[in-house]
PDB file of all heavy atoms in Angstrom:
ATOM      1  N   ILE A   1       0.835  -1.204   0.000  1.00  0.00           N
ATOM      2  CA  ILE A   1       0.000   0.000   0.000  1.00  0.00           C
ATOM      3  C   ILE A   1       0.867   1.251   0.000  1.00  0.00           C
ATOM      4  O   ILE A   1       0.564   2.238  -0.682  1.00  0.00           O
ATOM      5  CB  ILE A   1      -0.957  -0.010   1.212  1.00  0.00           C
ATOM      6  CG1 ILE A   1      -2.035  -1.083   1.025  1.00  0.00           C
ATOM      7  CG2 ILE A   1      -1.608   1.363   1.396  1.00  0.00           C
ATOM      8  CD1 ILE A   1      -2.910  -1.304   2.247  1.00  0.00           C
ATOM      9  N   ILE A   2       1.962   1.224   0.743  1.00  0.00           N
ATOM     10  CA  ILE A   2       2.888   2.364   0.778  1.00  0.00           C
ATOM     11  C   ILE A   2       3.475   2.595  -0.610  1.00  0.00           C
ATOM     12  O   ILE A   2       3.548   3.731  -1.101  1.00  0.00           O
ATOM     13  CB  ILE A   2       4.013   2.125   1.806  1.00  0.00           C
ATOM     14  CG1 ILE A   2       3.442   2.121   3.226  1.00  0.00           C
ATOM     15  CG2 ILE A   2       5.097   3.197   1.685  1.00  0.00           C
ATOM     16  CD1 ILE A   2       4.425   1.693   4.291  1.00  0.00           C
ATOM     17  N   LEU A   3       3.883   1.507  -1.279  1.00  0.00           N
ATOM     18  CA  LEU A   3       4.462   1.612  -2.619  1.00  0.00           C
ATOM     19  C   LEU A   3       3.450   2.139  -3.626  1.00  0.00           C
ATOM     20  O   LEU A   3       3.708   3.143  -4.308  1.00  0.00           O
ATOM     21  CB  LEU A   3       4.969   0.223  -3.065  1.00  0.00           C
ATOM     22  CG  LEU A   3       5.426   0.096  -4.535  1.00  0.00           C
ATOM     23  CD1 LEU A   3       6.619   1.009  -4.800  1.00  0.00           C
ATOM     24  CD2 LEU A   3       5.760  -1.345  -4.856  1.00  0.00           C
ATOM     25  N   VAL A   4       2.305   1.487  -3.715  1.00  0.00           N
ATOM     26  CA  VAL A   4       1.289   1.871  -4.699  1.00  0.00           C
ATOM     27  C   VAL A   4       0.667   3.213  -4.346  1.00  0.00           C
ATOM     28  O   VAL A   4       0.425   4.052  -5.223  1.00  0.00           O
ATOM     29  CB  VAL A   4       0.196   0.778  -4.799  1.00  0.00           C
ATOM     30  CG1 VAL A   4      -0.914   1.217  -5.754  1.00  0.00           C
ATOM     31  CG2 VAL A   4       0.808  -0.540  -5.264  1.00  0.00           C
ATOM     32  N   GLY A   5       0.427   3.427  -3.061  1.00  0.00           N
ATOM     33  CA  GLY A   5      -0.176   4.688  -2.623  1.00  0.00           C
ATOM     34  C   GLY A   5       0.710   5.881  -2.918  1.00  0.00           C
ATOM     35  O   GLY A   5       0.231   6.940  -3.334  1.00  0.00           O
ATOM     36  N   GLY A   6       2.027   5.709  -2.711  1.00  0.00           N
ATOM     37  CA  GLY A   6       2.963   6.798  -2.984  1.00  0.00           C
ATOM     38  C   GLY A   6       2.998   7.152  -4.460  1.00  0.00           C
ATOM     39  O   GLY A   6       2.941   8.330  -4.829  1.00  0.00           O
ATOM     40  N   ILE A   7       3.107   6.125  -5.312  1.00  0.00           N
ATOM     41  CA  ILE A   7       3.128   6.361  -6.756  1.00  0.00           C
ATOM     42  C   ILE A   7       1.842   7.062  -7.199  1.00  0.00           C
ATOM     43  O   ILE A   7       1.876   8.028  -7.966  1.00  0.00           O
ATOM     44  CB  ILE A   7       3.305   5.033  -7.530  1.00  0.00           C
ATOM     45  CG1 ILE A   7       4.704   4.464  -7.308  1.00  0.00           C
ATOM     46  CG2 ILE A   7       3.059   5.248  -9.026  1.00  0.00           C
ATOM     47  CD1 ILE A   7       4.937   3.111  -7.947  1.00  0.00           C
ATOM     48  N   THR A   8       0.712   6.575  -6.694  1.00  0.00           N
ATOM     49  CA  THR A   8      -0.586   7.159  -7.073  1.00  0.00           C
ATOM     50  C   THR A   8      -0.695   8.612  -6.634  1.00  0.00           C
ATOM     51  O   THR A   8      -1.115   9.480  -7.422  1.00  0.00           O
ATOM     52  CB  THR A   8      -1.734   6.353  -6.445  1.00  0.00           C
ATOM     53  OG1 THR A   8      -1.633   4.980  -6.853  1.00  0.00           O
ATOM     54  CG2 THR A   8      -3.093   6.919  -6.870  1.00  0.00           C
ATOM     55  N   PHE A   9      -0.293   8.900  -5.405  1.00  0.00           N
ATOM     56  CA  PHE A   9      -0.389  10.267  -4.884  1.00  0.00           C
ATOM     57  C   PHE A   9       0.454  11.236  -5.700  1.00  0.00           C
ATOM     58  O   PHE A   9      -0.032  12.287  -6.139  1.00  0.00           O
ATOM     59  CB  PHE A   9       0.049  10.303  -3.418  1.00  0.00           C
ATOM     60  CG  PHE A   9       0.117  11.689  -2.845  1.00  0.00           C
ATOM     61  CD1 PHE A   9      -1.034  12.374  -2.500  1.00  0.00           C
ATOM     62  CD2 PHE A   9       1.351  12.333  -2.668  1.00  0.00           C
ATOM     63  CE1 PHE A   9      -0.987  13.664  -1.986  1.00  0.00           C
ATOM     64  CE2 PHE A   9       1.415  13.611  -2.156  1.00  0.00           C
ATOM     65  CZ  PHE A   9       0.242  14.286  -1.808  1.00  0.00           C
ATOM     66  N   PHE A  10       1.720  10.894  -5.917  1.00  0.00           N
ATOM     67  CA  PHE A  10       2.601  11.811  -6.652  1.00  0.00           C
ATOM     68  C   PHE A  10       2.265  11.852  -8.136  1.00  0.00           C
ATOM     69  O   PHE A  10       2.456  12.879  -8.794  1.00  0.00           O
ATOM     70  CB  PHE A  10       4.069  11.427  -6.418  1.00  0.00           C
ATOM     71  CG  PHE A  10       4.532  11.681  -5.014  1.00  0.00           C
ATOM     72  CD1 PHE A  10       4.914  10.629  -4.196  1.00  0.00           C
ATOM     73  CD2 PHE A  10       4.548  12.969  -4.497  1.00  0.00           C
ATOM     74  CE1 PHE A  10       5.328  10.865  -2.887  1.00  0.00           C
ATOM     75  CE2 PHE A  10       4.959  13.218  -3.187  1.00  0.00           C
ATOM     76  CZ  PHE A  10       5.344  12.157  -2.378  1.00  0.00           C
ATOM     77  N   TRP A  11       1.744  10.759  -8.671  1.00  0.00           N
ATOM     78  CA  TRP A  11       1.283  10.712 -10.070  1.00  0.00           C
ATOM     79  C   TRP A  11       0.182  11.761 -10.265  1.00  0.00           C
ATOM     80  O   TRP A  11       0.192  12.523 -11.236  1.00  0.00           O
ATOM     81  CB  TRP A  11       0.772   9.313 -10.367  1.00  0.00           C
ATOM     82  CG  TRP A  11       0.166   9.088 -11.723  1.00  0.00           C
ATOM     83  CD1 TRP A  11      -1.025   9.555 -12.186  1.00  0.00           C
ATOM     84  CD2 TRP A  11       0.727   8.321 -12.798  1.00  0.00           C
ATOM     85  NE1 TRP A  11      -1.266   9.113 -13.461  1.00  0.00           N
ATOM     86  CE2 TRP A  11      -0.201   8.360 -13.868  1.00  0.00           C
ATOM     87  CE3 TRP A  11       1.898   7.590 -12.957  1.00  0.00           C
ATOM     88  CZ2 TRP A  11       0.015   7.700 -15.074  1.00  0.00           C
ATOM     89  CZ3 TRP A  11       2.113   6.939 -14.158  1.00  0.00           C
ATOM     90  CH2 TRP A  11       1.202   6.988 -15.203  1.00  0.00           C
ATOM     91  N   LEU A  12      -0.771  11.798  -9.323  1.00  0.00           N
ATOM     92  CA  LEU A  12      -1.863  12.771  -9.405  1.00  0.00           C
ATOM     93  C   LEU A  12      -1.364  14.192  -9.172  1.00  0.00           C
ATOM     94  O   LEU A  12      -1.801  15.139  -9.831  1.00  0.00           O
ATOM     95  CB  LEU A  12      -2.954  12.420  -8.378  1.00  0.00           C
ATOM     96  CG  LEU A  12      -3.691  11.097  -8.623  1.00  0.00           C
ATOM     97  CD1 LEU A  12      -4.622  10.785  -7.448  1.00  0.00           C
ATOM     98  CD2 LEU A  12      -4.487  11.150  -9.922  1.00  0.00           C
ATOM     99  N   LEU A  13      -0.420  14.335  -8.232  1.00  0.00           N
ATOM    100  CA  LEU A  13       0.127  15.663  -7.928  1.00  0.00           C
ATOM    101  C   LEU A  13       0.871  16.235  -9.128  1.00  0.00           C
ATOM    102  O   LEU A  13       0.848  17.446  -9.369  1.00  0.00           O
ATOM    103  CB  LEU A  13       1.060  15.563  -6.713  1.00  0.00           C
ATOM    104  CG  LEU A  13       1.470  16.885  -6.042  1.00  0.00           C
ATOM    105  CD1 LEU A  13       0.242  17.624  -5.521  1.00  0.00           C
ATOM    106  CD2 LEU A  13       2.444  16.602  -4.899  1.00  0.00           C
ATOM    107  N   GLU A  14       1.516  15.371  -9.900  1.00  0.00           N
ATOM    108  CA  GLU A  14       2.232  15.811 -11.098  1.00  0.00           C
ATOM    109  C   GLU A  14       1.289  16.467 -12.105  1.00  0.00           C
ATOM    110  O   GLU A  14       1.703  17.331 -12.886  1.00  0.00           O
ATOM    111  CB  GLU A  14       2.933  14.617 -11.764  1.00  0.00           C
ATOM    112  CG  GLU A  14       4.139  14.115 -10.997  1.00  0.00           C
ATOM    113  CD  GLU A  14       4.732  12.847 -11.590  1.00  0.00           C
ATOM    114  OE1 GLU A  14       4.006  12.128 -12.319  1.00  0.00           O
ATOM    115  OE2 GLU A  14       5.915  12.567 -11.323  1.00  0.00           O
ATOM    116  N   GLY A  15       0.044  16.077 -12.074  1.00  0.00           N
ATOM    117  CA  GLY A  15      -0.920  16.647 -12.998  1.00  0.00           C
ATOM    118  C   GLY A  15      -1.347  18.059 -12.630  1.00  0.00           C
ATOM    119  O   GLY A  15      -1.809  18.821 -13.498  1.00  0.00           O
ATOM    120  N   THR A  16      -1.169  18.428 -11.365  1.00  0.00           N
ATOM    121  CA  THR A  16      -1.592  19.755 -10.913  1.00  0.00           C
ATOM    122  C   THR A  16      -0.426  20.712 -10.675  1.00  0.00           C
ATOM    123  O   THR A  16      -0.586  21.921 -10.766  1.00  0.00           O
ATOM    124  CB  THR A  16      -2.417  19.645  -9.606  1.00  0.00           C
ATOM    125  OG1 THR A  16      -1.632  18.971  -8.608  1.00  0.00           O
ATOM    126  CG2 THR A  16      -3.693  18.849  -9.844  1.00  0.00           C
ATOM    127  N   LEU A  17       0.751  20.145 -10.360  1.00  0.00           N
ATOM    128  CA  LEU A  17       1.928  20.992 -10.085  1.00  0.00           C
ATOM    129  C   LEU A  17       3.131  20.540 -10.914  1.00  0.00           C
ATOM    130  O   LEU A  17       4.205  20.257 -10.368  1.00  0.00           O
ATOM    131  CB  LEU A  17       2.296  20.936  -8.597  1.00  0.00           C
ATOM    132  CG  LEU A  17       1.301  21.490  -7.592  1.00  0.00           C
ATOM    133  CD1 LEU A  17       1.741  21.146  -6.173  1.00  0.00           C
ATOM    134  CD2 LEU A  17       1.183  23.008  -7.731  1.00  0.00           C
ATOM    135  N   PRO A  18       3.025  20.456 -12.221  1.00  0.00           N
ATOM    136  CA  PRO A  18       4.142  19.913 -13.016  1.00  0.00           C
ATOM    137  C   PRO A  18       5.338  20.860 -13.093  1.00  0.00           C
ATOM    138  O   PRO A  18       5.173  22.070 -13.227  1.00  0.00           O
ATOM    139  CB  PRO A  18       3.520  19.724 -14.401  1.00  0.00           C
ATOM    140  CG  PRO A  18       2.458  20.779 -14.478  1.00  0.00           C
ATOM    141  CD  PRO A  18       1.897  20.881 -13.075  1.00  0.00           C
ATOM    142  N   LEU A  19       6.527  20.276 -13.005  1.00  0.00           N
ATOM    143  CA  LEU A  19       7.747  21.051 -13.229  1.00  0.00           C
ATOM    144  C   LEU A  19       7.936  21.253 -14.727  1.00  0.00           C
ATOM    145  O   LEU A  19       8.166  22.362 -15.187  1.00  0.00           O
ATOM    146  CB  LEU A  19       8.957  20.312 -12.634  1.00  0.00           C
ATOM    147  CG  LEU A  19      10.333  20.912 -12.921  1.00  0.00           C
ATOM    148  CD1 LEU A  19      10.427  22.343 -12.407  1.00  0.00           C
ATOM    149  CD2 LEU A  19      11.431  20.050 -12.305  1.00  0.00           C
ATOM    150  N   PHE A  20       7.845  20.163 -15.483  1.00  0.00           N
ATOM    151  CA  PHE A  20       7.931  20.233 -16.939  1.00  0.00           C
ATOM    152  C   PHE A  20       6.624  19.717 -17.541  1.00  0.00           C
ATOM    153  O   PHE A  20       6.091  18.700 -17.094  1.00  0.00           O
ATOM    154  CB  PHE A  20       9.093  19.377 -17.460  1.00  0.00           C
ATOM    155  CG  PHE A  20      10.453  19.859 -17.040  1.00  0.00           C
ATOM    156  CD1 PHE A  20      11.243  19.111 -16.180  1.00  0.00           C
ATOM    157  CD2 PHE A  20      10.950  21.073 -17.512  1.00  0.00           C
ATOM    158  CE1 PHE A  20      12.501  19.551 -15.787  1.00  0.00           C
ATOM    159  CE2 PHE A  20      12.209  21.523 -17.133  1.00  0.00           C
ATOM    160  CZ  PHE A  20      12.981  20.773 -16.274  1.00  0.00           C
ATOM    161  N   ASN A  21       6.137  20.399 -18.540  1.00  0.00           N
ATOM    162  CA  ASN A  21       4.936  19.958 -19.245  1.00  0.00           C
ATOM    163  C   ASN A  21       5.354  19.009 -20.370  1.00  0.00           C
ATOM    164  O   ASN A  21       5.422  19.383 -21.532  1.00  0.00           O
ATOM    165  CB  ASN A  21       4.169  21.158 -19.800  1.00  0.00           C
ATOM    166  CG  ASN A  21       3.533  21.993 -18.699  1.00  0.00           C
ATOM    167  OD1 ASN A  21       2.802  21.462 -17.865  1.00  0.00           O
ATOM    168  ND2 ASN A  21       3.831  23.277 -18.682  1.00  0.00           N
ATOM    169  N   PHE A  22       5.668  17.778 -19.983  1.00  0.00           N
ATOM    170  CA  PHE A  22       6.130  16.788 -20.949  1.00  0.00           C
ATOM    171  C   PHE A  22       5.051  16.520 -22.004  1.00  0.00           C
ATOM    172  O   PHE A  22       3.869  16.405 -21.686  1.00  0.00           O
ATOM    173  CB  PHE A  22       6.453  15.467 -20.252  1.00  0.00           C
ATOM    174  CG  PHE A  22       7.642  15.523 -19.330  1.00  0.00           C
ATOM    175  CD1 PHE A  22       7.587  14.949 -18.059  1.00  0.00           C
ATOM    176  CD2 PHE A  22       8.829  16.115 -19.726  1.00  0.00           C
ATOM    177  CE1 PHE A  22       8.673  14.983 -17.209  1.00  0.00           C
ATOM    178  CE2 PHE A  22       9.928  16.154 -18.884  1.00  0.00           C
ATOM    179  CZ  PHE A  22       9.849  15.588 -17.624  1.00  0.00           C
ATOM    180  N   LYS A  23       5.496  16.390 -23.231  1.00  0.00           N
ATOM    181  CA  LYS A  23       4.611  15.980 -24.311  1.00  0.00           C
ATOM    182  C   LYS A  23       4.796  14.470 -24.495  1.00  0.00           C
ATOM    183  O   LYS A  23       5.558  14.011 -25.335  1.00  0.00           O
ATOM    184  CB  LYS A  23       4.949  16.727 -25.611  1.00  0.00           C
ATOM    185  CG  LYS A  23       4.935  18.250 -25.476  1.00  0.00           C
ATOM    186  CD  LYS A  23       3.555  18.779 -25.052  1.00  0.00           C
ATOM    187  CE  LYS A  23       3.575  20.304 -24.920  1.00  0.00           C
ATOM    188  NZ  LYS A  23       2.287  20.833 -24.406  1.00  0.00           N
ATOM    189  N   TYR A  24       4.121  13.709 -23.651  1.00  0.00           N
ATOM    190  CA  TYR A  24       4.282  12.275 -23.709  1.00  0.00           C
ATOM    191  C   TYR A  24       3.014  11.582 -23.243  1.00  0.00           C
ATOM    192  O   TYR A  24       2.143  12.178 -22.623  1.00  0.00           O
ATOM    193  CB  TYR A  24       5.476  11.830 -22.875  1.00  0.00           C
ATOM    194  CG  TYR A  24       5.311  11.890 -21.361  1.00  0.00           C
ATOM    195  CD1 TYR A  24       5.933  10.948 -20.529  1.00  0.00           C
ATOM    196  CD2 TYR A  24       4.565  12.899 -20.740  1.00  0.00           C
ATOM    197  CE1 TYR A  24       5.819  11.009 -19.151  1.00  0.00           C
ATOM    198  CE2 TYR A  24       4.439  12.959 -19.361  1.00  0.00           C
ATOM    199  CZ  TYR A  24       5.062  12.012 -18.575  1.00  0.00           C
ATOM    200  OH  TYR A  24       4.931  12.080 -17.214  1.00  0.00           O
ATOM    201  N   LYS A  25       2.930  10.280 -23.590  1.00  0.00           N
ATOM    202  CA  LYS A  25       1.833   9.455 -23.111  1.00  0.00           C
ATOM    203  C   LYS A  25       2.273   8.882 -21.768  1.00  0.00           C
ATOM    204  O   LYS A  25       3.136   8.007 -21.710  1.00  0.00           O
ATOM    205  CB  LYS A  25       1.525   8.350 -24.119  1.00  0.00           C
ATOM    206  CG  LYS A  25       0.974   8.878 -25.439  1.00  0.00           C
ATOM    207  CD  LYS A  25       0.675   7.749 -26.411  1.00  0.00           C
ATOM    208  CE  LYS A  25       0.126   8.283 -27.728  1.00  0.00           C
ATOM    209  NZ  LYS A  25      -0.143   7.194 -28.714  1.00  0.00           N
ATOM    210  N   LYS A  26       1.682   9.406 -20.721  1.00  0.00           N
ATOM    211  CA  LYS A  26       2.152   9.104 -19.366  1.00  0.00           C
ATOM    212  C   LYS A  26       2.144   7.606 -19.057  1.00  0.00           C
ATOM    213  O   LYS A  26       3.095   7.086 -18.462  1.00  0.00           O
ATOM    214  CB  LYS A  26       1.282   9.865 -18.365  1.00  0.00           C
ATOM    215  CG  LYS A  26       1.905  10.062 -16.992  1.00  0.00           C
ATOM    216  CD  LYS A  26       1.043  11.002 -16.165  1.00  0.00           C
ATOM    217  CE  LYS A  26       1.532  11.120 -14.729  1.00  0.00           C
ATOM    218  NZ  LYS A  26       2.735  11.951 -14.604  1.00  0.00           N
ATOM    219  N   TRP A  27       1.100   6.918 -19.465  1.00  0.00           N
ATOM    220  CA  TRP A  27       1.030   5.489 -19.186  1.00  0.00           C
ATOM    221  C   TRP A  27       2.074   4.704 -19.981  1.00  0.00           C
ATOM    222  O   TRP A  27       2.695   3.773 -19.467  1.00  0.00           O
ATOM    223  CB  TRP A  27      -0.373   4.957 -19.491  1.00  0.00           C
ATOM    224  CG  TRP A  27      -1.298   5.064 -18.322  1.00  0.00           C
ATOM    225  CD1 TRP A  27      -2.351   5.922 -18.173  1.00  0.00           C
ATOM    226  CD2 TRP A  27      -1.242   4.295 -17.110  1.00  0.00           C
ATOM    227  NE1 TRP A  27      -2.951   5.743 -16.950  1.00  0.00           N
ATOM    228  CE2 TRP A  27      -2.293   4.740 -16.277  1.00  0.00           C
ATOM    229  CE3 TRP A  27      -0.414   3.267 -16.658  1.00  0.00           C
ATOM    230  CZ2 TRP A  27      -2.532   4.205 -15.022  1.00  0.00           C
ATOM    231  CZ3 TRP A  27      -0.639   2.728 -15.398  1.00  0.00           C
ATOM    232  CH2 TRP A  27      -1.695   3.191 -14.594  1.00  0.00           C
ATOM    233  N   LYS A  28       2.278   5.093 -21.249  1.00  0.00           N
ATOM    234  CA  LYS A  28       3.274   4.414 -22.075  1.00  0.00           C
ATOM    235  C   LYS A  28       4.663   4.602 -21.486  1.00  0.00           C
ATOM    236  O   LYS A  28       5.474   3.662 -21.446  1.00  0.00           O
ATOM    237  CB  LYS A  28       3.228   4.956 -23.509  1.00  0.00           C
ATOM    238  CG  LYS A  28       4.178   4.250 -24.464  1.00  0.00           C
ATOM    239  CD  LYS A  28       4.069   4.797 -25.883  1.00  0.00           C
ATOM    240  CE  LYS A  28       5.023   4.076 -26.821  1.00  0.00           C
ATOM    241  NZ  LYS A  28       4.953   4.619 -28.206  1.00  0.00           N
ATOM    242  N   HIS A  29       4.955   5.810 -21.016  1.00  0.00           N
ATOM    243  CA  HIS A  29       6.246   6.081 -20.381  1.00  0.00           C
ATOM    244  C   HIS A  29       6.411   5.261 -19.110  1.00  0.00           C
ATOM    245  O   HIS A  29       7.520   4.816 -18.773  1.00  0.00           O
ATOM    246  CB  HIS A  29       6.350   7.583 -20.056  1.00  0.00           C
ATOM    247  CG  HIS A  29       7.473   7.915 -19.130  1.00  0.00           C
ATOM    248  ND1 HIS A  29       7.299   8.074 -17.772  1.00  0.00           N
ATOM    249  CD2 HIS A  29       8.804   8.099 -19.347  1.00  0.00           C
ATOM    250  CE1 HIS A  29       8.446   8.357 -17.206  1.00  0.00           C
ATOM    251  NE2 HIS A  29       9.375   8.376 -18.132  1.00  0.00           N
ATOM    252  N   ALA A  30       5.319   5.039 -18.391  1.00  0.00           N
ATOM    253  CA  ALA A  30       5.385   4.353 -17.100  1.00  0.00           C
ATOM    254  C   ALA A  30       5.630   2.858 -17.223  1.00  0.00           C
ATOM    255  O   ALA A  30       6.135   2.235 -16.282  1.00  0.00           O
ATOM    256  CB  ALA A  30       4.088   4.601 -16.324  1.00  0.00           C
ATOM    257  N   VAL A  31       5.293   2.273 -18.368  1.00  0.00           N
ATOM    258  CA  VAL A  31       5.351   0.815 -18.512  1.00  0.00           C
ATOM    259  C   VAL A  31       6.727   0.229 -18.168  1.00  0.00           C
ATOM    260  O   VAL A  31       6.829  -0.660 -17.311  1.00  0.00           O
ATOM    261  CB  VAL A  31       4.904   0.371 -19.928  1.00  0.00           C
ATOM    262  CG1 VAL A  31       5.237  -1.099 -20.165  1.00  0.00           C
ATOM    263  CG2 VAL A  31       3.402   0.586 -20.094  1.00  0.00           C
ATOM    264  N   PRO A  32       7.837   0.682 -18.801  1.00  0.00           N
ATOM    265  CA  PRO A  32       9.139   0.106 -18.427  1.00  0.00           C
ATOM    266  C   PRO A  32       9.517   0.403 -16.978  1.00  0.00           C
ATOM    267  O   PRO A  32      10.131  -0.439 -16.307  1.00  0.00           O
ATOM    268  CB  PRO A  32      10.120   0.755 -19.413  1.00  0.00           C
ATOM    269  CG  PRO A  32       9.439   1.983 -19.897  1.00  0.00           C
ATOM    270  CD  PRO A  32       7.982   1.659 -19.896  1.00  0.00           C
ATOM    271  N   ASN A  33       9.158   1.581 -16.500  1.00  0.00           N
ATOM    272  CA  ASN A  33       9.498   1.949 -15.120  1.00  0.00           C
ATOM    273  C   ASN A  33       8.760   1.071 -14.115  1.00  0.00           C
ATOM    274  O   ASN A  33       9.324   0.649 -13.100  1.00  0.00           O
ATOM    275  CB  ASN A  33       9.174   3.421 -14.877  1.00  0.00           C
ATOM    276  CG  ASN A  33      10.038   4.342 -15.711  1.00  0.00           C
ATOM    277  OD1 ASN A  33      10.971   3.892 -16.380  1.00  0.00           O
ATOM    278  ND2 ASN A  33       9.750   5.630 -15.677  1.00  0.00           N
ATOM    279  N   LEU A  34       7.492   0.781 -14.387  1.00  0.00           N
ATOM    280  CA  LEU A  34       6.723  -0.092 -13.498  1.00  0.00           C
ATOM    281  C   LEU A  34       7.199  -1.534 -13.612  1.00  0.00           C
ATOM    282  O   LEU A  34       7.174  -2.287 -12.623  1.00  0.00           O
ATOM    283  CB  LEU A  34       5.230   0.018 -13.819  1.00  0.00           C
ATOM    284  CG  LEU A  34       4.600   1.387 -13.542  1.00  0.00           C
ATOM    285  CD1 LEU A  34       3.135   1.390 -13.955  1.00  0.00           C
ATOM    286  CD2 LEU A  34       4.736   1.772 -12.069  1.00  0.00           C
ATOM    287  N   PHE A  35       7.664  -1.919 -14.801  1.00  0.00           N
ATOM    288  CA  PHE A  35       8.248  -3.260 -14.971  1.00  0.00           C
ATOM    289  C   PHE A  35       9.457  -3.415 -14.058  1.00  0.00           C
ATOM    290  O   PHE A  35       9.602  -4.433 -13.352  1.00  0.00           O
ATOM    291  CB  PHE A  35       8.654  -3.483 -16.426  1.00  0.00           C
ATOM    292  CG  PHE A  35       9.496  -4.712 -16.630  1.00  0.00           C
ATOM    293  CD1 PHE A  35       8.907  -5.962 -16.717  1.00  0.00           C
ATOM    294  CD2 PHE A  35      10.885  -4.616 -16.723  1.00  0.00           C
ATOM    295  CE1 PHE A  35       9.682  -7.114 -16.893  1.00  0.00           C
ATOM    296  CE2 PHE A  35      11.665  -5.753 -16.896  1.00  0.00           C
ATOM    297  CZ  PHE A  35      11.064  -7.011 -16.977  1.00  0.00           C
ATOM    298  N   PHE A  36      10.337  -2.407 -14.055  1.00  0.00           N
ATOM    299  CA  PHE A  36      11.538  -2.487 -13.210  1.00  0.00           C
ATOM    300  C   PHE A  36      11.205  -2.308 -11.724  1.00  0.00           C
ATOM    301  O   PHE A  36      11.936  -2.808 -10.864  1.00  0.00           O
ATOM    302  CB  PHE A  36      12.573  -1.459 -13.672  1.00  0.00           C
ATOM    303  CG  PHE A  36      13.260  -1.849 -14.944  1.00  0.00           C
ATOM    304  CD1 PHE A  36      13.069  -1.127 -16.111  1.00  0.00           C
ATOM    305  CD2 PHE A  36      14.080  -2.966 -14.995  1.00  0.00           C
ATOM    306  CE1 PHE A  36      13.684  -1.490 -17.304  1.00  0.00           C
ATOM    307  CE2 PHE A  36      14.707  -3.344 -16.176  1.00  0.00           C
ATOM    308  CZ  PHE A  36      14.503  -2.614 -17.335  1.00  0.00           C
ATOM    309  N   THR A  37      10.123  -1.634 -11.439  1.00  0.00           N
ATOM    310  CA  THR A  37       9.652  -1.577 -10.046  1.00  0.00           C
ATOM    311  C   THR A  37       9.265  -2.977  -9.590  1.00  0.00           C
ATOM    312  O   THR A  37       9.601  -3.398  -8.471  1.00  0.00           O
ATOM    313  CB  THR A  37       8.438  -0.631  -9.922  1.00  0.00           C
ATOM    314  OG1 THR A  37       8.824   0.691 -10.290  1.00  0.00           O
ATOM    315  CG2 THR A  37       7.902  -0.614  -8.490  1.00  0.00           C
ATOM    316  N   LEU A  38       8.579  -3.709 -10.464  1.00  0.00           N
ATOM    317  CA  LEU A  38       8.167  -5.075 -10.141  1.00  0.00           C
ATOM    318  C   LEU A  38       9.366  -5.988  -9.954  1.00  0.00           C
ATOM    319  O   LEU A  38       9.408  -6.791  -9.009  1.00  0.00           O
ATOM    320  CB  LEU A  38       7.263  -5.616 -11.254  1.00  0.00           C
ATOM    321  CG  LEU A  38       6.746  -7.055 -11.074  1.00  0.00           C
ATOM    322  CD1 LEU A  38       5.914  -7.170  -9.803  1.00  0.00           C
ATOM    323  CD2 LEU A  38       5.922  -7.473 -12.290  1.00  0.00           C
ATOM    324  N   THR A  39      10.375  -5.865 -10.831  1.00  0.00           N
ATOM    325  CA  THR A  39      11.565  -6.715 -10.682  1.00  0.00           C
ATOM    326  C   THR A  39      12.319  -6.388  -9.394  1.00  0.00           C
ATOM    327  O   THR A  39      12.881  -7.278  -8.755  1.00  0.00           O
ATOM    328  CB  THR A  39      12.522  -6.582 -11.890  1.00  0.00           C
ATOM    329  OG1 THR A  39      12.984  -5.224 -12.010  1.00  0.00           O
ATOM    330  CG2 THR A  39      11.827  -7.003 -13.177  1.00  0.00           C
ATOM    331  N   THR A  40      12.309  -5.121  -9.016  1.00  0.00           N
ATOM    332  CA  THR A  40      12.942  -4.723  -7.754  1.00  0.00           C
ATOM    333  C   THR A  40      12.245  -5.376  -6.569  1.00  0.00           C
ATOM    334  O   THR A  40      12.892  -5.881  -5.640  1.00  0.00           O
ATOM    335  CB  THR A  40      12.914  -3.186  -7.601  1.00  0.00           C
ATOM    336  OG1 THR A  40      13.658  -2.590  -8.665  1.00  0.00           O
ATOM    337  CG2 THR A  40      13.522  -2.758  -6.263  1.00  0.00           C
ATOM    338  N   VAL A  41      10.922  -5.364  -6.594  1.00  0.00           N
ATOM    339  CA  VAL A  41      10.134  -5.993  -5.531  1.00  0.00           C
ATOM    340  C   VAL A  41      10.433  -7.485  -5.467  1.00  0.00           C
ATOM    341  O   VAL A  41      10.633  -8.051  -4.383  1.00  0.00           O
ATOM    342  CB  VAL A  41       8.623  -5.757  -5.759  1.00  0.00           C
ATOM    343  CG1 VAL A  41       7.791  -6.607  -4.790  1.00  0.00           C
ATOM    344  CG2 VAL A  41       8.272  -4.282  -5.582  1.00  0.00           C
TER     345      VAL A  41
END
């Protein structure tokens, strides 16, 4: 819950307080990162 909750909270916060307005598909970008999160776990 700490892992998933943290990602979810900051994921949502990024939508309201972005540092950079990336021109990207957020979910597509997340796929490899979440894959490596899973391997880390």
